[in-house]
């Protein structure tokens, strides 16, 4: 039986801890390395890929292309310097797409 894997892409300092959990890590220092990492992930058997928001921001078209596939699920995570708000915005968009309304951040009476 073949198992799906989990990958994480980002700067070395932000993703180092994932390696201890058995996650396949792709430390990158620039957008070219990040694009190469996503291409390798797309060819592999990955169910989930976590990408730091800072890296995802640099290679947005490639991230969006991967998000349009059934697998892997793409999750944007903050790096070790904090969040850019991209991951939460993605969750909001996905919830709106699935439900048809902004149930997470909408204000009552608006």
N, C-alpha and C. Protein backbone atom coordinates (compact mmCIF):
# COMPACT_ATOMS: atom_id res chain seq x y z
N UNK A 1 0.85 -1.18 0.00
CA UNK A 1 0.00 0.00 0.00
C UNK A 1 0.89 1.24 0.00
N UNK A 2 0.64 2.15 -0.93
CA UNK A 2 1.45 3.35 -0.98
C UNK A 2 0.80 4.44 -0.13
N UNK A 3 1.63 5.18 0.55
CA UNK A 3 1.15 6.23 1.45
C UNK A 3 1.47 7.59 0.85
N UNK A 4 0.58 8.52 1.09
CA UNK A 4 0.84 9.89 0.70
C UNK A 4 1.73 10.54 1.73
N UNK A 5 2.48 11.56 1.28
CA UNK A 5 3.43 12.23 2.15
C UNK A 5 3.01 13.68 2.36
N UNK A 6 3.68 14.32 3.30
CA UNK A 6 3.49 15.74 3.58
C UNK A 6 4.80 16.45 3.30
N UNK A 7 4.72 17.63 2.67
CA UNK A 7 5.92 18.41 2.36
C UNK A 7 5.76 19.81 2.92
N UNK A 8 6.88 20.45 3.18
CA UNK A 8 6.86 21.85 3.60
C UNK A 8 7.98 22.57 2.86
N UNK A 9 7.64 23.77 2.34
CA UNK A 9 8.57 24.58 1.57
C UNK A 9 8.71 25.93 2.26
N UNK A 10 9.95 26.36 2.43
CA UNK A 10 10.17 27.67 3.05
C UNK A 10 11.64 27.87 3.38
N UNK A 11 11.91 28.96 4.04
CA UNK A 11 13.30 29.21 4.45
C UNK A 11 13.69 28.21 5.52
N UNK A 12 14.97 27.91 5.57
CA UNK A 12 15.50 26.84 6.44
C UNK A 12 15.10 27.03 7.90
N UNK A 13 15.22 28.24 8.41
CA UNK A 13 14.92 28.48 9.82
C UNK A 13 13.45 28.23 10.16
N UNK A 14 12.58 28.47 9.21
CA UNK A 14 11.15 28.32 9.46
C UNK A 14 10.66 26.88 9.38
N UNK A 15 11.35 26.05 8.59
CA UNK A 15 10.83 24.70 8.35
C UNK A 15 11.65 23.60 9.02
N UNK A 16 12.73 23.95 9.67
CA UNK A 16 13.62 22.96 10.27
C UNK A 16 12.90 22.02 11.22
N UNK A 17 11.99 22.53 12.03
CA UNK A 17 11.28 21.70 13.01
C UNK A 17 10.40 20.63 12.38
N UNK A 18 9.94 20.86 11.16
CA UNK A 18 9.08 19.88 10.49
C UNK A 18 9.84 18.60 10.16
N UNK A 19 11.13 18.73 9.93
CA UNK A 19 11.95 17.56 9.58
C UNK A 19 11.93 16.53 10.71
N UNK A 20 11.92 17.00 11.94
CA UNK A 20 11.89 16.10 13.10
C UNK A 20 10.59 15.31 13.17
N UNK A 21 9.55 15.80 12.51
CA UNK A 21 8.26 15.11 12.50
C UNK A 21 8.13 14.13 11.34
N UNK A 22 9.17 14.02 10.52
CA UNK A 22 9.15 13.11 9.39
C UNK A 22 8.57 13.71 8.13
N UNK A 23 8.39 15.02 8.12
CA UNK A 23 7.86 15.72 6.96
C UNK A 23 9.00 15.94 5.96
N UNK A 24 8.71 15.81 4.68
CA UNK A 24 9.71 16.08 3.65
C UNK A 24 9.87 17.59 3.54
N UNK A 25 11.08 18.08 3.76
CA UNK A 25 11.30 19.52 3.76
C UNK A 25 12.06 19.97 2.51
N UNK A 26 11.70 21.14 2.05
CA UNK A 26 12.35 21.76 0.91
C UNK A 26 12.79 23.16 1.32
N UNK A 27 13.99 23.27 1.92
CA UNK A 27 14.48 24.60 2.28
C UNK A 27 14.89 25.36 1.02
N UNK A 28 14.39 26.58 0.86
CA UNK A 28 14.68 27.38 -0.32
C UNK A 28 15.17 28.76 0.09
N UNK A 29 15.97 29.35 -0.80
CA UNK A 29 16.49 30.69 -0.52
C UNK A 29 16.00 31.72 -1.53
N UNK A 30 15.33 31.27 -2.57
CA UNK A 30 14.83 32.19 -3.57
C UNK A 30 13.69 31.59 -4.36
N UNK A 31 13.14 32.40 -5.25
CA UNK A 31 11.97 31.96 -6.00
C UNK A 31 12.28 30.82 -6.97
N UNK A 32 13.47 30.81 -7.56
CA UNK A 32 13.82 29.72 -8.48
C UNK A 32 13.84 28.38 -7.76
N UNK A 33 14.46 28.34 -6.59
CA UNK A 33 14.50 27.10 -5.80
C UNK A 33 13.08 26.69 -5.38
N UNK A 34 12.25 27.67 -5.05
CA UNK A 34 10.88 27.38 -4.63
C UNK A 34 10.07 26.78 -5.77
N UNK A 35 10.23 27.32 -6.97
CA UNK A 35 9.52 26.79 -8.14
C UNK A 35 9.98 25.36 -8.41
N UNK A 36 11.29 25.12 -8.33
CA UNK A 36 11.82 23.76 -8.51
C UNK A 36 11.24 22.80 -7.48
N UNK A 37 11.14 23.26 -6.22
CA UNK A 37 10.58 22.42 -5.16
C UNK A 37 9.13 22.08 -5.46
N UNK A 38 8.34 23.05 -5.91
CA UNK A 38 6.93 22.78 -6.23
C UNK A 38 6.80 21.81 -7.39
N UNK A 39 7.71 21.90 -8.36
CA UNK A 39 7.68 20.96 -9.48
C UNK A 39 7.97 19.54 -9.01
N UNK A 40 8.93 19.39 -8.09
CA UNK A 40 9.22 18.07 -7.53
C UNK A 40 8.03 17.53 -6.74
N UNK A 41 7.40 18.41 -5.98
CA UNK A 41 6.24 18.01 -5.17
C UNK A 41 5.09 17.57 -6.07
N UNK A 42 4.87 18.31 -7.15
CA UNK A 42 3.77 17.99 -8.07
C UNK A 42 3.96 16.61 -8.71
N UNK A 43 5.21 16.19 -8.87
CA UNK A 43 5.51 14.88 -9.46
C UNK A 43 5.43 13.74 -8.44
N UNK A 44 5.50 14.09 -7.15
CA UNK A 44 5.52 13.07 -6.10
C UNK A 44 4.14 12.75 -5.58
N UNK A 45 4.10 11.88 -4.58
CA UNK A 45 2.83 11.46 -3.96
C UNK A 45 2.65 12.21 -2.65
N UNK A 46 2.25 13.46 -2.77
CA UNK A 46 2.06 14.30 -1.59
C UNK A 46 0.58 14.62 -1.42
N UNK A 47 0.08 14.49 -0.20
CA UNK A 47 -1.31 14.82 0.10
C UNK A 47 -1.43 16.27 0.56
N UNK A 48 -0.39 16.75 1.25
CA UNK A 48 -0.41 18.10 1.80
C UNK A 48 0.94 18.74 1.57
N UNK A 49 0.92 20.01 1.16
CA UNK A 49 2.14 20.78 1.08
C UNK A 49 1.91 22.11 1.81
N UNK A 50 2.76 22.36 2.77
CA UNK A 50 2.72 23.63 3.51
C UNK A 50 3.80 24.52 2.90
N UNK A 51 3.44 25.76 2.64
CA UNK A 51 4.38 26.72 2.06
C UNK A 51 4.35 27.96 2.93
N UNK A 52 5.51 28.46 3.29
CA UNK A 52 5.52 29.68 4.09
C UNK A 52 4.95 30.82 3.25
N UNK A 53 4.25 31.71 3.91
CA UNK A 53 3.59 32.82 3.22
C UNK A 53 4.57 33.66 2.42
N UNK A 54 5.76 33.89 2.98
CA UNK A 54 6.76 34.71 2.29
C UNK A 54 7.19 34.08 0.97
N UNK A 55 7.37 32.77 0.96
CA UNK A 55 7.75 32.07 -0.27
C UNK A 55 6.56 32.06 -1.24
N UNK A 56 5.37 31.78 -0.74
CA UNK A 56 4.18 31.73 -1.59
C UNK A 56 3.93 33.07 -2.27
N UNK A 57 4.23 34.14 -1.58
CA UNK A 57 4.05 35.47 -2.15
C UNK A 57 4.98 35.70 -3.35
N UNK A 58 6.17 35.12 -3.30
CA UNK A 58 7.16 35.28 -4.38
C UNK A 58 6.78 34.47 -5.61
N UNK A 59 6.09 33.35 -5.43
CA UNK A 59 5.79 32.44 -6.56
C UNK A 59 4.29 32.19 -6.66
N UNK A 60 3.53 33.23 -6.53
CA UNK A 60 2.08 33.13 -6.47
C UNK A 60 1.45 32.37 -7.64
N UNK A 61 1.86 32.58 -8.90
CA UNK A 61 1.23 31.83 -10.00
C UNK A 61 1.41 30.31 -9.87
N UNK A 62 2.59 29.88 -9.45
CA UNK A 62 2.85 28.45 -9.30
C UNK A 62 2.06 27.87 -8.13
N UNK A 63 1.92 28.64 -7.06
CA UNK A 63 1.13 28.18 -5.91
C UNK A 63 -0.33 28.04 -6.31
N UNK A 64 -0.85 29.02 -7.04
CA UNK A 64 -2.25 28.96 -7.47
C UNK A 64 -2.48 27.77 -8.40
N UNK A 65 -1.52 27.48 -9.27
CA UNK A 65 -1.66 26.32 -10.17
C UNK A 65 -1.73 25.03 -9.36
N UNK A 66 -0.91 24.93 -8.31
CA UNK A 66 -0.93 23.74 -7.46
C UNK A 66 -2.23 23.66 -6.67
N UNK A 67 -2.76 24.81 -6.25
CA UNK A 67 -4.01 24.84 -5.49
C UNK A 67 -5.19 24.38 -6.33
N UNK A 68 -5.10 24.52 -7.63
CA UNK A 68 -6.20 24.13 -8.51
C UNK A 68 -6.25 22.62 -8.76
N UNK A 69 -5.26 21.90 -8.29
CA UNK A 69 -5.26 20.44 -8.41
C UNK A 69 -5.97 19.84 -7.20
N UNK A 70 -6.44 18.60 -7.37
CA UNK A 70 -7.09 17.91 -6.27
C UNK A 70 -6.11 17.63 -5.14
N UNK A 71 -4.96 17.11 -5.49
CA UNK A 71 -3.88 16.86 -4.52
C UNK A 71 -2.60 17.45 -5.06
N UNK A 72 -1.79 17.98 -4.22
CA UNK A 72 -1.89 18.06 -2.77
C UNK A 72 -2.71 19.26 -2.33
N UNK A 73 -3.20 19.18 -1.09
CA UNK A 73 -3.83 20.34 -0.48
C UNK A 73 -2.71 21.32 -0.13
N UNK A 74 -2.91 22.57 -0.44
CA UNK A 74 -1.89 23.59 -0.20
C UNK A 74 -2.31 24.43 1.00
N UNK A 75 -1.40 24.52 1.98
CA UNK A 75 -1.67 25.29 3.19
C UNK A 75 -0.56 26.32 3.35
N UNK A 76 -0.94 27.59 3.44
CA UNK A 76 0.04 28.65 3.65
C UNK A 76 0.23 28.84 5.15
N UNK A 77 1.48 28.85 5.56
CA UNK A 77 1.81 28.97 6.98
C UNK A 77 2.73 30.16 7.20
N UNK A 78 2.71 30.76 8.38
CA UNK A 78 3.64 31.86 8.65
C UNK A 78 5.06 31.35 8.75
N UNK A 79 6.02 32.23 8.51
CA UNK A 79 7.41 31.83 8.73
C UNK A 79 7.81 32.22 10.14
N UNK A 80 9.08 32.08 10.45
CA UNK A 80 9.53 32.35 11.82
C UNK A 80 9.50 33.83 12.18
N UNK A 81 9.22 34.70 11.22
CA UNK A 81 9.14 36.14 11.50
C UNK A 81 7.70 36.61 11.70
N UNK A 82 6.73 35.71 11.47
CA UNK A 82 5.34 36.06 11.68
C UNK A 82 4.51 35.91 10.42
N UNK A 83 3.27 36.29 10.52
CA UNK A 83 2.33 36.09 9.43
C UNK A 83 2.22 37.32 8.53
N UNK A 84 1.89 37.06 7.28
CA UNK A 84 1.58 38.12 6.33
C UNK A 84 0.08 38.21 6.10
N UNK A 85 -0.67 37.29 6.70
CA UNK A 85 -2.12 37.26 6.56
C UNK A 85 -2.61 36.50 5.34
N UNK A 86 -1.69 35.95 4.55
CA UNK A 86 -2.08 35.24 3.33
C UNK A 86 -2.80 33.93 3.62
N UNK A 87 -2.34 33.22 4.63
CA UNK A 87 -2.95 31.94 4.98
C UNK A 87 -4.39 32.12 5.44
N UNK A 88 -4.64 33.10 6.26
CA UNK A 88 -6.00 33.35 6.74
C UNK A 88 -6.88 33.83 5.60
N UNK A 89 -6.34 34.63 4.69
CA UNK A 89 -7.11 35.08 3.53
C UNK A 89 -7.49 33.88 2.65
N UNK A 90 -6.58 32.92 2.53
CA UNK A 90 -6.86 31.71 1.75
C UNK A 90 -7.99 30.91 2.38
N UNK A 91 -7.95 30.77 3.69
CA UNK A 91 -9.01 30.04 4.39
C UNK A 91 -10.35 30.74 4.19
N UNK A 92 -10.35 32.06 4.26
CA UNK A 92 -11.57 32.83 4.06
C UNK A 92 -12.13 32.60 2.65
N UNK A 93 -11.27 32.68 1.64
CA UNK A 93 -11.70 32.47 0.25
C UNK A 93 -12.27 31.06 0.06
N UNK A 94 -11.60 30.07 0.63
CA UNK A 94 -12.06 28.69 0.50
C UNK A 94 -13.42 28.48 1.17
N UNK A 95 -13.61 29.10 2.33
CA UNK A 95 -14.89 28.98 3.03
C UNK A 95 -15.99 29.66 2.23
N UNK A 96 -15.71 30.83 1.68
CA UNK A 96 -16.70 31.54 0.88
C UNK A 96 -17.06 30.74 -0.37
N UNK A 97 -16.05 30.12 -0.97
CA UNK A 97 -16.28 29.32 -2.17
C UNK A 97 -17.15 28.10 -1.86
N UNK A 98 -16.88 27.45 -0.74
CA UNK A 98 -17.60 26.24 -0.38
C UNK A 98 -19.03 26.53 0.10
N UNK A 99 -19.20 27.61 0.85
CA UNK A 99 -20.48 27.89 1.49
C UNK A 99 -21.27 28.96 0.74
N UNK A 100 -20.58 29.84 0.08
CA UNK A 100 -21.26 30.91 -0.65
C UNK A 100 -21.43 32.18 0.15
N UNK A 101 -20.87 32.20 1.35
CA UNK A 101 -20.99 33.40 2.18
C UNK A 101 -19.77 33.48 3.10
N UNK A 102 -19.48 34.68 3.55
CA UNK A 102 -18.37 34.88 4.48
C UNK A 102 -18.86 34.63 5.89
N UNK A 103 -18.72 33.40 6.36
CA UNK A 103 -19.17 33.06 7.71
C UNK A 103 -18.07 33.24 8.76
N UNK A 104 -16.83 33.40 8.30
CA UNK A 104 -15.72 33.50 9.24
C UNK A 104 -15.48 34.92 9.72
N UNK A 105 -15.56 35.90 8.81
CA UNK A 105 -15.18 37.25 9.16
C UNK A 105 -16.29 38.27 8.92
N UNK A 106 -17.42 37.79 8.42
CA UNK A 106 -18.55 38.70 8.14
C UNK A 106 -19.10 39.28 9.41
N UNK A 107 -19.60 40.50 9.30
CA UNK A 107 -20.20 41.16 10.46
C UNK A 107 -21.71 41.06 10.34
N UNK A 108 -22.36 40.78 11.47
CA UNK A 108 -23.82 40.68 11.46
C UNK A 108 -24.42 42.04 11.15
N UNK A 109 -25.50 42.02 10.40
CA UNK A 109 -26.19 43.26 10.09
C UNK A 109 -25.58 44.05 8.96
N UNK A 110 -24.52 43.51 8.30
CA UNK A 110 -23.88 44.23 7.20
C UNK A 110 -24.65 44.02 5.93
